[in-house]
């Protein structure tokens, strides 16, 4: 099922400006189809033995399973934090049109987008 190809990578940075820089780099390197920036998150955590209460910006990075390993290698190098939060979420379901858009955006004329389209065409002919 092509929908299982989609991954959402969650990370946080210190400001919307840092988020925009990171988002543009990830898109520029074709590691993400889309990056949604959610400013104004409040994070409570311990760091170096001290309790912290900081405002952060969340990034929701939409990518594919086939691109994920490249993203996981590159993200820590691009990220402004020494120890970035990087959490990968495998959605249970993804809308077919949105899934196709993500895969086509990331495929850059590679096989994955065309495989999805062929599978969808086959399914359409059956119904």
Protein backbone atom coordinates (compact mmCIF):
# COMPACT_ATOMS: atom_id res chain seq x y z
CA UNK A 1 0.00 0.00 0.00
CA UNK A 2 1.68 3.26 -1.10
CA UNK A 3 0.30 5.14 1.91
CA UNK A 4 2.71 3.18 4.10
CA UNK A 5 5.57 4.91 2.28
CA UNK A 6 4.90 8.24 3.99
CA UNK A 7 6.85 9.32 7.07
CA UNK A 8 6.51 12.41 9.23
CA UNK A 9 9.66 13.53 11.00
CA UNK A 10 9.18 15.80 13.98
CA UNK A 11 11.91 18.12 15.23
CA UNK A 12 12.12 21.39 17.14
CA UNK A 13 14.30 24.49 16.84
CA UNK A 14 14.60 27.70 18.82
CA UNK A 15 12.79 30.12 16.51
CA UNK A 16 10.59 30.40 13.42
CA UNK A 17 13.57 31.89 11.55
CA UNK A 18 15.74 28.84 12.32
CA UNK A 19 12.83 26.65 11.27
CA UNK A 20 12.51 28.43 7.93
CA UNK A 21 16.24 28.07 7.23
CA UNK A 22 16.12 24.35 8.04
CA UNK A 23 12.92 23.82 6.03
CA UNK A 24 14.40 25.50 2.95
CA UNK A 25 17.56 23.37 3.19
CA UNK A 26 15.57 20.15 3.49
CA UNK A 27 13.37 21.09 0.55
CA UNK A 28 16.40 22.28 -1.44
CA UNK A 29 18.08 18.92 -0.94
CA UNK A 30 14.81 17.12 -1.81
CA UNK A 31 14.69 15.42 1.57
CA UNK A 32 11.18 16.65 2.31
CA UNK A 33 8.11 17.14 0.15
CA UNK A 34 6.76 19.66 2.64
CA UNK A 35 7.79 21.13 5.98
CA UNK A 36 5.11 22.61 8.21
CA UNK A 37 6.36 25.12 10.78
CA UNK A 38 4.43 25.46 14.04
CA UNK A 39 5.81 28.35 16.12
CA UNK A 40 5.07 29.00 19.77
CA UNK A 41 5.46 25.54 21.30
CA UNK A 42 6.49 25.48 24.94
CA UNK A 43 8.91 22.76 26.00
CA UNK A 44 9.69 21.68 29.57
CA UNK A 45 12.78 19.49 29.95
CA UNK A 46 16.00 18.88 31.86
CA UNK A 47 19.29 19.79 30.20
CA UNK A 48 22.71 19.59 31.84
CA UNK A 49 21.04 19.04 35.21
CA UNK A 50 18.84 22.11 34.98
CA UNK A 51 15.12 22.36 34.46
CA UNK A 52 14.29 24.32 31.30
CA UNK A 53 11.12 26.06 30.11
CA UNK A 54 11.62 27.30 26.54
CA UNK A 55 9.61 28.43 23.57
CA UNK A 56 10.43 26.38 20.50
CA UNK A 57 9.20 25.95 16.96
CA UNK A 58 8.05 22.53 15.78
CA UNK A 59 8.76 21.28 12.27
CA UNK A 60 6.64 18.54 10.73
CA UNK A 61 8.76 17.17 7.90
CA UNK A 62 6.82 15.12 5.36
CA UNK A 63 8.96 12.60 3.51
CA UNK A 64 8.94 9.02 2.23
CA UNK A 65 10.34 5.82 3.62
CA UNK A 66 12.79 5.63 0.72
CA UNK A 67 14.22 9.10 1.49
CA UNK A 68 14.15 8.69 5.28
CA UNK A 69 17.66 7.26 5.73
CA UNK A 70 19.18 10.20 3.81
CA UNK A 71 17.13 12.63 5.88
CA UNK A 72 18.16 10.98 9.14
CA UNK A 73 21.85 11.31 8.20
CA UNK A 74 21.55 14.90 7.00
CA UNK A 75 19.18 16.41 9.57
CA UNK A 76 21.63 16.34 12.52
CA UNK A 77 24.24 18.06 10.34
CA UNK A 78 21.85 20.84 9.31
CA UNK A 79 20.15 21.21 12.69
CA UNK A 80 21.14 24.14 14.96
CA UNK A 81 20.94 21.98 18.14
CA UNK A 82 23.78 19.72 19.32
CA UNK A 83 21.25 17.05 20.29
CA UNK A 84 18.22 17.55 18.07
CA UNK A 85 14.88 15.95 18.78
CA UNK A 86 14.20 13.70 15.79
CA UNK A 87 11.10 11.52 15.97
CA UNK A 88 9.82 9.53 13.00
CA UNK A 89 6.10 8.84 12.76
CA UNK A 90 4.62 6.26 10.39
CA UNK A 91 1.03 7.35 9.78
CA UNK A 92 -1.70 4.74 9.92
CA UNK A 93 -3.43 6.29 6.93
CA UNK A 94 -2.73 9.05 4.40
CA UNK A 95 -5.10 10.50 1.83
CA UNK A 96 -4.37 8.99 -1.58
CA UNK A 97 -4.00 12.29 -3.42
CA UNK A 98 -1.72 13.72 -0.73
CA UNK A 99 0.33 10.54 -0.68
CA UNK A 100 0.72 10.68 -4.45
CA UNK A 101 1.77 14.32 -4.25
CA UNK A 102 4.44 13.58 -1.60
CA UNK A 103 5.84 10.63 -3.53
CA UNK A 104 5.82 12.50 -6.85
CA UNK A 105 7.45 15.54 -5.27
CA UNK A 106 10.24 13.46 -3.78
CA UNK A 107 10.70 11.10 -6.68
CA UNK A 108 12.22 13.72 -8.97
CA UNK A 109 11.69 11.48 -11.94
CA UNK A 110 12.65 8.36 -9.98
CA UNK A 111 10.67 5.14 -9.85
CA UNK A 112 8.57 5.51 -6.70
CA UNK A 113 6.06 8.02 -8.10
CA UNK A 114 5.50 6.07 -11.28
CA UNK A 115 5.07 2.81 -9.34
CA UNK A 116 2.34 4.43 -7.24
CA UNK A 117 0.57 5.82 -10.30
CA UNK A 118 0.67 2.44 -12.08
CA UNK A 119 -0.74 0.70 -9.00
CA UNK A 120 -3.49 3.29 -8.73
CA UNK A 121 -4.34 2.90 -12.43
CA UNK A 122 -4.61 -0.88 -11.98
CA UNK A 123 -6.88 -0.40 -8.99
CA UNK A 124 -9.07 2.04 -10.96
CA UNK A 125 -9.51 -0.47 -13.77
CA UNK A 126 -10.68 -3.13 -11.29
CA UNK A 127 -13.44 -0.92 -9.90
